[in-house]
Amino acid sequence: GRATLELVNTPQRDLIDELEVGRPVSREMRVALEVDDAAAAT
């Protein structure tokens, strides 16, 4: 589908990790895919 390049600074990366996972886990690169149903796709 549509591709975008998402650039985040360190505080934003940390915030995303906290909200999605509850702890720091990110690396320098992560792939994000928008899907119709996140639960079913998971």
PDB file of all heavy atoms in Angstrom:
ATOM      1  N   GLY A   1       0.834  -1.200   0.000  1.00  0.00           N
ATOM      2  CA  GLY A   1       0.000   0.000   0.000  1.00  0.00           C
ATOM      3  C   GLY A   1       0.867   1.248   0.000  1.00  0.00           C
ATOM      4  O   GLY A   1       1.958   1.262  -0.540  1.00  0.00           O
ATOM      5  N   ARG A   2       0.415   2.270   0.657  1.00  0.00           N
ATOM      6  CA  ARG A   2       1.114   3.552   0.707  1.00  0.00           C
ATOM      7  C   ARG A   2       2.312   3.459   1.642  1.00  0.00           C
ATOM      8  O   ARG A   2       2.222   2.906   2.730  1.00  0.00           O
ATOM      9  CB  ARG A   2       0.141   4.615   1.240  1.00  0.00           C
ATOM     10  CG  ARG A   2       0.681   6.009   1.284  1.00  0.00           C
ATOM     11  CD  ARG A   2      -0.392   6.947   1.766  1.00  0.00           C
ATOM     12  NE  ARG A   2      -0.598   6.841   3.193  1.00  0.00           N
ATOM     13  CZ  ARG A   2      -0.126   7.710   4.084  1.00  0.00           C
ATOM     14  NH1 ARG A   2       0.564   8.748   3.693  1.00  0.00           N
ATOM     15  NH2 ARG A   2      -0.365   7.553   5.369  1.00  0.00           N
ATOM     16  N   ALA A   3       3.439   4.008   1.250  1.00  0.00           N
ATOM     17  CA  ALA A   3       4.639   4.013   2.081  1.00  0.00           C
ATOM     18  C   ALA A   3       4.895   5.423   2.606  1.00  0.00           C
ATOM     19  O   ALA A   3       4.682   6.407   1.902  1.00  0.00           O
ATOM     20  CB  ALA A   3       5.843   3.537   1.290  1.00  0.00           C
ATOM     21  N   THR A   4       5.324   5.495   3.852  1.00  0.00           N
ATOM     22  CA  THR A   4       5.751   6.762   4.438  1.00  0.00           C
ATOM     23  C   THR A   4       7.061   6.525   5.162  1.00  0.00           C
ATOM     24  O   THR A   4       7.408   5.398   5.493  1.00  0.00           O
ATOM     25  CB  THR A   4       4.713   7.320   5.439  1.00  0.00           C
ATOM     26  OG1 THR A   4       4.546   6.388   6.509  1.00  0.00           O
ATOM     27  CG2 THR A   4       3.385   7.595   4.766  1.00  0.00           C
ATOM     28  N   LEU A   5       7.791   7.581   5.415  1.00  0.00           N
ATOM     29  CA  LEU A   5       9.013   7.523   6.199  1.00  0.00           C
ATOM     30  C   LEU A   5       8.737   8.289   7.477  1.00  0.00           C
ATOM     31  O   LEU A   5       8.497   9.495   7.454  1.00  0.00           O
ATOM     32  CB  LEU A   5      10.180   8.152   5.424  1.00  0.00           C
ATOM     33  CG  LEU A   5      11.528   8.166   6.116  1.00  0.00           C
ATOM     34  CD1 LEU A   5      11.978   6.743   6.427  1.00  0.00           C
ATOM     35  CD2 LEU A   5      12.546   8.874   5.248  1.00  0.00           C
ATOM     36  N   GLU A   6       8.719   7.590   8.592  1.00  0.00           N
ATOM     37  CA  GLU A   6       8.416   8.200   9.897  1.00  0.00           C
ATOM     38  C   GLU A   6       9.731   8.402  10.639  1.00  0.00           C
ATOM     39  O   GLU A   6      10.430   7.446  10.961  1.00  0.00           O
ATOM     40  CB  GLU A   6       7.500   7.280  10.691  1.00  0.00           C
ATOM     41  CG  GLU A   6       7.111   7.819  12.047  1.00  0.00           C
ATOM     42  CD  GLU A   6       6.105   6.924  12.753  1.00  0.00           C
ATOM     43  OE1 GLU A   6       5.309   6.235  12.080  1.00  0.00           O
ATOM     44  OE2 GLU A   6       6.134   6.907  13.993  1.00  0.00           O
ATOM     45  N   LEU A   7      10.078   9.647  10.895  1.00  0.00           N
ATOM     46  CA  LEU A   7      11.296   9.981  11.623  1.00  0.00           C
ATOM     47  C   LEU A   7      10.910  10.428  13.030  1.00  0.00           C
ATOM     48  O   LEU A   7      10.062  11.305  13.183  1.00  0.00           O
ATOM     49  CB  LEU A   7      12.047  11.101  10.904  1.00  0.00           C
ATOM     50  CG  LEU A   7      12.391  10.828   9.432  1.00  0.00           C
ATOM     51  CD1 LEU A   7      12.971  12.068   8.779  1.00  0.00           C
ATOM     52  CD2 LEU A   7      13.344   9.653   9.315  1.00  0.00           C
ATOM     53  N   VAL A   8      11.511   9.819  14.045  1.00  0.00           N
ATOM     54  CA  VAL A   8      11.183  10.155  15.434  1.00  0.00           C
ATOM     55  C   VAL A   8      12.466  10.460  16.199  1.00  0.00           C
ATOM     56  O   VAL A   8      13.500   9.844  15.944  1.00  0.00           O
ATOM     57  CB  VAL A   8      10.411   9.016  16.146  1.00  0.00           C
ATOM     58  CG1 VAL A   8       9.085   8.740  15.454  1.00  0.00           C
ATOM     59  CG2 VAL A   8      11.228   7.746  16.227  1.00  0.00           C
ATOM     60  N   ASN A   9      12.372  11.410  17.146  1.00  0.00           N
ATOM     61  CA  ASN A   9      13.524  11.648  18.004  1.00  0.00           C
ATOM     62  C   ASN A   9      13.479  10.683  19.185  1.00  0.00           C
ATOM     63  O   ASN A   9      12.521   9.908  19.337  1.00  0.00           O
ATOM     64  CB  ASN A   9      13.600  13.121  18.435  1.00  0.00           C
ATOM     65  CG  ASN A   9      12.457  13.549  19.319  1.00  0.00           C
ATOM     66  OD1 ASN A   9      11.635  12.743  19.754  1.00  0.00           O
ATOM     67  ND2 ASN A   9      12.392  14.837  19.603  1.00  0.00           N
ATOM     68  N   THR A  10      14.491  10.697  20.011  1.00  0.00           N
ATOM     69  CA  THR A  10      14.593   9.730  21.108  1.00  0.00           C
ATOM     70  C   THR A  10      13.429   9.820  22.087  1.00  0.00           C
ATOM     71  O   THR A  10      12.861   8.783  22.455  1.00  0.00           O
ATOM     72  CB  THR A  10      15.943   9.892  21.832  1.00  0.00           C
ATOM     73  OG1 THR A  10      16.992   9.708  20.861  1.00  0.00           O
ATOM     74  CG2 THR A  10      16.114   8.868  22.940  1.00  0.00           C
ATOM     75  N   PRO A  11      13.002  11.023  22.524  1.00  0.00           N
ATOM     76  CA  PRO A  11      11.854  11.058  23.432  1.00  0.00           C
ATOM     77  C   PRO A  11      10.576  10.478  22.812  1.00  0.00           C
ATOM     78  O   PRO A  11       9.800   9.809  23.493  1.00  0.00           O
ATOM     79  CB  PRO A  11      11.687  12.547  23.754  1.00  0.00           C
ATOM     80  CG  PRO A  11      13.058  13.121  23.576  1.00  0.00           C
ATOM     81  CD  PRO A  11      13.632  12.353  22.417  1.00  0.00           C
ATOM     82  N   GLN A  12      10.357  10.678  21.516  1.00  0.00           N
ATOM     83  CA  GLN A  12       9.176  10.122  20.856  1.00  0.00           C
ATOM     84  C   GLN A  12       9.282   8.603  20.771  1.00  0.00           C
ATOM     85  O   GLN A  12       8.311   7.883  21.023  1.00  0.00           O
ATOM     86  CB  GLN A  12       8.992  10.716  19.460  1.00  0.00           C
ATOM     87  CG  GLN A  12       7.808  10.167  18.695  1.00  0.00           C
ATOM     88  CD  GLN A  12       6.460  10.525  19.306  1.00  0.00           C
ATOM     89  OE1 GLN A  12       6.336  11.506  20.046  1.00  0.00           O
ATOM     90  NE2 GLN A  12       5.448   9.741  19.025  1.00  0.00           N
ATOM     91  N   ARG A  13      10.474   8.094  20.432  1.00  0.00           N
ATOM     92  CA  ARG A  13      10.675   6.641  20.396  1.00  0.00           C
ATOM     93  C   ARG A  13      10.386   6.033  21.763  1.00  0.00           C
ATOM     94  O   ARG A  13       9.711   5.016  21.873  1.00  0.00           O
ATOM     95  CB  ARG A  13      12.097   6.303  19.954  1.00  0.00           C
ATOM     96  CG  ARG A  13      12.350   4.799  19.909  1.00  0.00           C
ATOM     97  CD  ARG A  13      13.762   4.456  19.567  1.00  0.00           C
ATOM     98  NE  ARG A  13      14.643   4.867  20.642  1.00  0.00           N
ATOM     99  CZ  ARG A  13      15.966   4.771  20.605  1.00  0.00           C
ATOM    100  NH1 ARG A  13      16.557   4.287  19.548  1.00  0.00           N
ATOM    101  NH2 ARG A  13      16.698   5.151  21.619  1.00  0.00           N
ATOM    102  N   ASP A  14      10.878   6.685  22.805  1.00  0.00           N
ATOM    103  CA  ASP A  14      10.654   6.189  24.170  1.00  0.00           C
ATOM    104  C   ASP A  14       9.174   6.234  24.540  1.00  0.00           C
ATOM    105  O   ASP A  14       8.658   5.322  25.193  1.00  0.00           O
ATOM    106  CB  ASP A  14      11.477   7.000  25.172  1.00  0.00           C
ATOM    107  CG  ASP A  14      12.983   6.830  24.971  1.00  0.00           C
ATOM    108  OD1 ASP A  14      13.399   5.888  24.245  1.00  0.00           O
ATOM    109  OD2 ASP A  14      13.743   7.647  25.533  1.00  0.00           O
ATOM    110  N   LEU A  15       8.482   7.300  24.125  1.00  0.00           N
ATOM    111  CA  LEU A  15       7.052   7.424  24.398  1.00  0.00           C
ATOM    112  C   LEU A  15       6.269   6.313  23.691  1.00  0.00           C
ATOM    113  O   LEU A  15       5.386   5.684  24.293  1.00  0.00           O
ATOM    114  CB  LEU A  15       6.543   8.798  23.949  1.00  0.00           C
ATOM    115  CG  LEU A  15       5.040   9.049  24.080  1.00  0.00           C
ATOM    116  CD1 LEU A  15       4.608   8.983  25.544  1.00  0.00           C
ATOM    117  CD2 LEU A  15       4.676  10.390  23.469  1.00  0.00           C
ATOM    118  N   ILE A  16       6.588   6.049  22.434  1.00  0.00           N
ATOM    119  CA  ILE A  16       5.912   4.981  21.691  1.00  0.00           C
ATOM    120  C   ILE A  16       6.135   3.639  22.375  1.00  0.00           C
ATOM    121  O   ILE A  16       5.202   2.860  22.560  1.00  0.00           O
ATOM    122  CB  ILE A  16       6.391   4.945  20.226  1.00  0.00           C
ATOM    123  CG1 ILE A  16       5.917   6.193  19.478  1.00  0.00           C
ATOM    124  CG2 ILE A  16       5.896   3.688  19.515  1.00  0.00           C
ATOM    125  CD1 ILE A  16       6.565   6.394  18.124  1.00  0.00           C
ATOM    126  N   ASP A  17       7.375   3.366  22.777  1.00  0.00           N
ATOM    127  CA  ASP A  17       7.661   2.114  23.487  1.00  0.00           C
ATOM    128  C   ASP A  17       6.837   2.012  24.769  1.00  0.00           C
ATOM    129  O   ASP A  17       6.267   0.963  25.067  1.00  0.00           O
ATOM    130  CB  ASP A  17       9.141   2.015  23.849  1.00  0.00           C
ATOM    131  CG  ASP A  17      10.001   1.466  22.725  1.00  0.00           C
ATOM    132  OD1 ASP A  17       9.445   1.064  21.690  1.00  0.00           O
ATOM    133  OD2 ASP A  17      11.234   1.432  22.904  1.00  0.00           O
ATOM    134  N   GLU A  18       6.766   3.093  25.518  1.00  0.00           N
ATOM    135  CA  GLU A  18       6.017   3.077  26.784  1.00  0.00           C
ATOM    136  C   GLU A  18       4.537   2.809  26.532  1.00  0.00           C
ATOM    137  O   GLU A  18       3.913   2.012  27.225  1.00  0.00           O
ATOM    138  CB  GLU A  18       6.197   4.408  27.522  1.00  0.00           C
ATOM    139  CG  GLU A  18       5.509   4.460  28.864  1.00  0.00           C
ATOM    140  CD  GLU A  18       5.997   3.405  29.860  1.00  0.00           C
ATOM    141  OE1 GLU A  18       7.192   3.054  29.842  1.00  0.00           O
ATOM    142  OE2 GLU A  18       5.164   2.913  30.643  1.00  0.00           O
ATOM    143  N   LEU A  19       3.968   3.455  25.510  1.00  0.00           N
ATOM    144  CA  LEU A  19       2.549   3.291  25.228  1.00  0.00           C
ATOM    145  C   LEU A  19       2.216   1.927  24.621  1.00  0.00           C
ATOM    146  O   LEU A  19       1.203   1.329  24.955  1.00  0.00           O
ATOM    147  CB  LEU A  19       2.066   4.398  24.291  1.00  0.00           C
ATOM    148  CG  LEU A  19       2.091   5.804  24.884  1.00  0.00           C
ATOM    149  CD1 LEU A  19       1.846   6.836  23.796  1.00  0.00           C
ATOM    150  CD2 LEU A  19       1.080   5.938  26.001  1.00  0.00           C
ATOM    151  N   GLU A  20       3.060   1.433  23.717  1.00  0.00           N
ATOM    152  CA  GLU A  20       2.777   0.169  23.039  1.00  0.00           C
ATOM    153  C   GLU A  20       3.190  -1.050  23.848  1.00  0.00           C
ATOM    154  O   GLU A  20       2.521  -2.075  23.809  1.00  0.00           O
ATOM    155  CB  GLU A  20       3.501   0.105  21.680  1.00  0.00           C
ATOM    156  CG  GLU A  20       2.905   0.975  20.613  1.00  0.00           C
ATOM    157  CD  GLU A  20       3.581   0.769  19.258  1.00  0.00           C
ATOM    158  OE1 GLU A  20       4.441  -0.122  19.106  1.00  0.00           O
ATOM    159  OE2 GLU A  20       3.250   1.534  18.336  1.00  0.00           O
ATOM    160  N   VAL A  21       4.308  -0.943  24.567  1.00  0.00           N
ATOM    161  CA  VAL A  21       4.907  -2.120  25.180  1.00  0.00           C
ATOM    162  C   VAL A  21       5.030  -2.010  26.701  1.00  0.00           C
ATOM    163  O   VAL A  21       5.003  -3.007  27.401  1.00  0.00           O
ATOM    164  CB  VAL A  21       6.298  -2.402  24.559  1.00  0.00           C
ATOM    165  CG1 VAL A  21       6.918  -3.668  25.120  1.00  0.00           C
ATOM    166  CG2 VAL A  21       6.210  -2.488  23.041  1.00  0.00           C
ATOM    167  N   GLY A  22       5.207  -0.785  27.206  1.00  0.00           N
ATOM    168  CA  GLY A  22       5.358  -0.605  28.640  1.00  0.00           C
ATOM    169  C   GLY A  22       6.800  -0.596  29.107  1.00  0.00           C
ATOM    170  O   GLY A  22       7.073  -0.469  30.300  1.00  0.00           O
ATOM    171  N   ARG A  23       7.727  -0.701  28.166  1.00  0.00           N
ATOM    172  CA  ARG A  23       9.151  -0.678  28.507  1.00  0.00           C
ATOM    173  C   ARG A  23       9.951  -0.368  27.237  1.00  0.00           C
ATOM    174  O   ARG A  23       9.447  -0.560  26.126  1.00  0.00           O
ATOM    175  CB  ARG A  23       9.585  -2.010  29.108  1.00  0.00           C
ATOM    176  CG  ARG A  23       9.521  -3.170  28.154  1.00  0.00           C
ATOM    177  CD  ARG A  23       9.801  -4.525  28.834  1.00  0.00           C
ATOM    178  NE  ARG A  23       9.925  -5.609  27.886  1.00  0.00           N
ATOM    179  CZ  ARG A  23       8.924  -6.182  27.229  1.00  0.00           C
ATOM    180  NH1 ARG A  23       7.688  -5.764  27.411  1.00  0.00           N
ATOM    181  NH2 ARG A  23       9.145  -7.177  26.393  1.00  0.00           N
ATOM    182  N   PRO A  24      11.202   0.071  27.370  1.00  0.00           N
ATOM    183  CA  PRO A  24      12.027   0.341  26.183  1.00  0.00           C
ATOM    184  C   PRO A  24      12.409  -0.949  25.467  1.00  0.00           C
ATOM    185  O   PRO A  24      12.971  -1.845  26.088  1.00  0.00           O
ATOM    186  CB  PRO A  24      13.276   1.030  26.741  1.00  0.00           C
ATOM    187  CG  PRO A  24      13.024   1.296  28.177  1.00  0.00           C
ATOM    188  CD  PRO A  24      11.876   0.446  28.610  1.00  0.00           C
ATOM    189  N   VAL A  25      12.066  -1.055  24.187  1.00  0.00           N
ATOM    190  CA  VAL A  25      12.417  -2.238  23.398  1.00  0.00           C
ATOM    191  C   VAL A  25      12.889  -1.882  21.986  1.00  0.00           C
ATOM    192  O   VAL A  25      13.403  -2.750  21.285  1.00  0.00           O
ATOM    193  CB  VAL A  25      11.237  -3.241  23.292  1.00  0.00           C
ATOM    194  CG1 VAL A  25      10.874  -3.818  24.644  1.00  0.00           C
ATOM    195  CG2 VAL A  25      10.031  -2.615  22.628  1.00  0.00           C
ATOM    196  N   SER A  26      12.710  -0.653  21.553  1.00  0.00           N
ATOM    197  CA  SER A  26      12.986  -0.289  20.161  1.00  0.00           C
ATOM    198  C   SER A  26      14.458  -0.344  19.818  1.00  0.00           C
ATOM    199  O   SER A  26      15.319  -0.143  20.664  1.00  0.00           O
ATOM    200  CB  SER A  26      12.485   1.126  19.860  1.00  0.00           C
ATOM    201  OG  SER A  26      11.109   1.130  19.686  1.00  0.00           O
ATOM    202  N   ARG A  27      14.677  -0.588  18.548  1.00  0.00           N
ATOM    203  CA  ARG A  27      16.008  -0.504  17.961  1.00  0.00           C
ATOM    204  C   ARG A  27      16.034   0.751  17.095  1.00  0.00           C
ATOM    205  O   ARG A  27      15.135   1.565  17.146  1.00  0.00           O
ATOM    206  CB  ARG A  27      16.278  -1.764  17.156  1.00  0.00           C
ATOM    207  CG  ARG A  27      16.254  -3.006  18.028  1.00  0.00           C
ATOM    208  CD  ARG A  27      16.716  -4.229  17.244  1.00  0.00           C
ATOM    209  NE  ARG A  27      16.474  -5.404  18.043  1.00  0.00           N
ATOM    210  CZ  ARG A  27      15.402  -6.179  17.937  1.00  0.00           C
ATOM    211  NH1 ARG A  27      14.475  -5.907  17.046  1.00  0.00           N
ATOM    212  NH2 ARG A  27      15.251  -7.230  18.706  1.00  0.00           N
ATOM    213  N   GLU A  28      17.044   0.858  16.271  1.00  0.00           N
ATOM    214  CA  GLU A  28      17.150   2.035  15.411  1.00  0.00           C
ATOM    215  C   GLU A  28      16.115   2.018  14.297  1.00  0.00           C
ATOM    216  O   GLU A  28      15.797   3.052  13.730  1.00  0.00           O
ATOM    217  CB  GLU A  28      18.559   2.137  14.812  1.00  0.00           C
ATOM    218  CG  GLU A  28      19.618   2.445  15.845  1.00  0.00           C
ATOM    219  CD  GLU A  28      19.322   3.721  16.623  1.00  0.00           C
ATOM    220  OE1 GLU A  28      19.126   4.781  16.005  1.00  0.00           O
ATOM    221  OE2 GLU A  28      19.281   3.635  17.870  1.00  0.00           O
ATOM    222  N   MET A  29      15.589   0.841  13.961  1.00  0.00           N
ATOM    223  CA  MET A  29      14.603   0.738  12.898  1.00  0.00           C
ATOM    224  C   MET A  29      13.495  -0.208  13.328  1.00  0.00           C
ATOM    225  O   MET A  29      13.749  -1.220  13.966  1.00  0.00           O
ATOM    226  CB  MET A  29      15.242   0.203  11.617  1.00  0.00           C
ATOM    227  CG  MET A  29      14.274   0.191  10.462  1.00  0.00           C
ATOM    228  SD  MET A  29      14.966  -0.528   8.966  1.00  0.00           S
ATOM    229  CE  MET A  29      14.812  -2.259   9.342  1.00  0.00           C
ATOM    230  N   ARG A  30      12.277   0.168  12.964  1.00  0.00           N
ATOM    231  CA  ARG A  30      11.104  -0.665  13.216  1.00  0.00           C
ATOM    232  C   ARG A  30      10.205  -0.508  12.006  1.00  0.00           C
ATOM    233  O   ARG A  30      10.076   0.571  11.443  1.00  0.00           O
ATOM    234  CB  ARG A  30      10.396  -0.167  14.486  1.00  0.00           C
ATOM    235  CG  ARG A  30       9.071  -0.809  14.775  1.00  0.00           C
ATOM    236  CD  ARG A  30       8.506  -0.325  16.132  1.00  0.00           C
ATOM    237  NE  ARG A  30       8.539   1.114  16.310  1.00  0.00           N
ATOM    238  CZ  ARG A  30       7.577   1.954  15.919  1.00  0.00           C
ATOM    239  NH1 ARG A  30       6.497   1.497  15.326  1.00  0.00           N
ATOM    240  NH2 ARG A  30       7.695   3.244  16.117  1.00  0.00           N
ATOM    241  N   VAL A  31       9.567  -1.581  11.584  1.00  0.00           N
ATOM    242  CA  VAL A  31       8.633  -1.526  10.459  1.00  0.00           C
ATOM    243  C   VAL A  31       7.225  -1.449  11.034  1.00  0.00           C
ATOM    244  O   VAL A  31       6.876  -2.210  11.933  1.00  0.00           O
ATOM    245  CB  VAL A  31       8.775  -2.779   9.561  1.00  0.00           C
ATOM    246  CG1 VAL A  31       7.719  -2.799   8.478  1.00  0.00           C
ATOM    247  CG2 VAL A  31      10.170  -2.834   8.954  1.00  0.00           C
ATOM    248  N   ALA A  32       6.432  -0.525  10.532  1.00  0.00           N
ATOM    249  CA  ALA A  32       5.032  -0.400  10.952  1.00  0.00           C
ATOM    250  C   ALA A  32       4.140  -0.602   9.737  1.00  0.00           C
ATOM    251  O   ALA A  32       4.369  -0.003   8.689  1.00  0.00           O
ATOM    252  CB  ALA A  32       4.785   0.975  11.576  1.00  0.00           C
ATOM    253  N   LEU A  33       3.138  -1.470   9.906  1.00  0.00           N
ATOM    254  CA  LEU A  33       2.188  -1.735   8.826  1.00  0.00           C
ATOM    255  C   LEU A  33       0.787  -1.399   9.306  1.00  0.00           C
ATOM    256  O   LEU A  33       0.342  -1.915  10.334  1.00  0.00           O
ATOM    257  CB  LEU A  33       2.232  -3.213   8.424  1.00  0.00           C
ATOM    258  CG  LEU A  33       3.549  -3.758   7.888  1.00  0.00           C
ATOM    259  CD1 LEU A  33       3.442  -5.254   7.652  1.00  0.00           C
ATOM    260  CD2 LEU A  33       3.941  -3.044   6.612  1.00  0.00           C
ATOM    261  N   GLU A  34       0.101  -0.540   8.564  1.00  0.00           N
ATOM    262  CA  GLU A  34      -1.303  -0.283   8.868  1.00  0.00           C
ATOM    263  C   GLU A  34      -2.123  -1.418   8.272  1.00  0.00           C
ATOM    264  O   GLU A  34      -1.976  -1.758   7.102  1.00  0.00           O
ATOM    265  CB  GLU A  34      -1.755   1.057   8.283  1.00  0.00           C
ATOM    266  CG  GLU A  34      -3.180   1.397   8.658  1.00  0.00           C
ATOM    267  CD  GLU A  34      -3.605   2.786   8.208  1.00  0.00           C
ATOM    268  OE1 GLU A  34      -2.853   3.442   7.448  1.00  0.00           O
ATOM    269  OE2 GLU A  34      -4.691   3.218   8.614  1.00  0.00           O
ATOM    270  N   VAL A  35      -2.965  -2.007   9.095  1.00  0.00           N
ATOM    271  CA  VAL A  35      -3.770  -3.158   8.680  1.00  0.00           C
ATOM    272  C   VAL A  35      -5.239  -2.885   8.984  1.00  0.00           C
ATOM    273  O   VAL A  35      -5.574  -1.992   9.758  1.00  0.00           O
ATOM    274  CB  VAL A  35      -3.301  -4.447   9.398  1.00  0.00           C
ATOM    275  CG1 VAL A  35      -1.875  -4.800   8.980  1.00  0.00           C
ATOM    276  CG2 VAL A  35      -3.379  -4.315  10.904  1.00  0.00           C
ATOM    277  N   ASP A  36      -6.130  -3.666   8.366  1.00  0.00           N
ATOM    278  CA  ASP A  36      -7.565  -3.496   8.586  1.00  0.00           C
ATOM    279  C   ASP A  36      -7.969  -3.823  10.018  1.00  0.00           C
ATOM    280  O   ASP A  36      -8.849  -3.185  10.579  1.00  0.00           O
ATOM    281  CB  ASP A  36      -8.375  -4.392   7.639  1.00  0.00           C
ATOM    282  CG  ASP A  36      -8.261  -3.947   6.198  1.00  0.00           C
ATOM    283  OD1 ASP A  36      -8.030  -2.750   5.955  1.00  0.00           O
ATOM    284  OD2 ASP A  36      -8.402  -4.804   5.312  1.00  0.00           O
ATOM    285  N   ASP A  37      -7.355  -4.835  10.603  1.00  0.00           N
ATOM    286  CA  ASP A  37      -7.730  -5.325  11.930  1.00  0.00           C
ATOM    287  C   ASP A  37      -6.459  -5.755  12.653  1.00  0.00           C
ATOM    288  O   ASP A  37      -5.915  -6.828  12.371  1.00  0.00           O
ATOM    289  CB  ASP A  37      -8.703  -6.495  11.779  1.00  0.00           C
ATOM    290  CG  ASP A  37      -9.189  -7.076  13.090  1.00  0.00           C
ATOM    291  OD1 ASP A  37      -8.497  -6.929  14.117  1.00  0.00           O
ATOM    292  OD2 ASP A  37     -10.262  -7.698  13.083  1.00  0.00           O
ATOM    293  N   ALA A  38      -5.986  -4.917  13.583  1.00  0.00           N
ATOM    294  CA  ALA A  38      -4.715  -5.186  14.262  1.00  0.00           C
ATOM    295  C   ALA A  38      -4.740  -6.498  15.031  1.00  0.00           C
ATOM    296  O   ALA A  38      -3.747  -7.230  15.047  1.00  0.00           O
ATOM    297  CB  ALA A  38      -4.354  -4.033  15.195  1.00  0.00           C
ATOM    298  N   ALA A  39      -5.856  -6.823  15.651  1.00  0.00           N
ATOM    299  CA  ALA A  39      -5.936  -8.068  16.434  1.00  0.00           C
ATOM    300  C   ALA A  39      -5.850  -9.286  15.520  1.00  0.00           C
ATOM    301  O   ALA A  39      -5.090 -10.225  15.786  1.00  0.00           O
ATOM    302  CB  ALA A  39      -7.211  -8.098  17.265  1.00  0.00           C
ATOM    303  N   ALA A  40      -6.611  -9.289  14.432  1.00  0.00           N
ATOM    304  CA  ALA A  40      -6.584 -10.417  13.503  1.00  0.00           C
ATOM    305  C   ALA A  40      -5.226 -10.525  12.813  1.00  0.00           C
ATOM    306  O   ALA A  40      -4.698 -11.626  12.625  1.00  0.00           O
ATOM    307  CB  ALA A  40      -7.696 -10.278  12.465  1.00  0.00           C
ATOM    308  N   ALA A  41      -4.647  -9.385  12.432  1.00  0.00           N
ATOM    309  CA  ALA A  41      -3.332  -9.404  11.784  1.00  0.00           C
ATOM    310  C   ALA A  41      -2.265  -9.901  12.747  1.00  0.00           C
ATOM    311  O   ALA A  41      -1.343 -10.618  12.342  1.00  0.00           O
ATOM    312  CB  ALA A  41      -2.983  -8.012  11.270  1.00  0.00           C
ATOM    313  N   THR A  42      -2.398  -9.548  14.021  1.00  0.00           N
ATOM    314  CA  THR A  42      -1.449 -10.040  15.025  1.00  0.00           C
ATOM    315  C   THR A  42      -1.546 -11.553  15.131  1.00  0.00           C
ATOM    316  O   THR A  42      -0.522 -12.253  15.138  1.00  0.00           O
ATOM    317  CB  THR A  42      -1.709  -9.380  16.392  1.00  0.00           C
ATOM    318  OG1 THR A  42      -1.505  -7.969  16.260  1.00  0.00           O
ATOM    319  CG2 THR A  42      -0.790  -9.930  17.463  1.00  0.00           C
TER     320      THR A  42
END
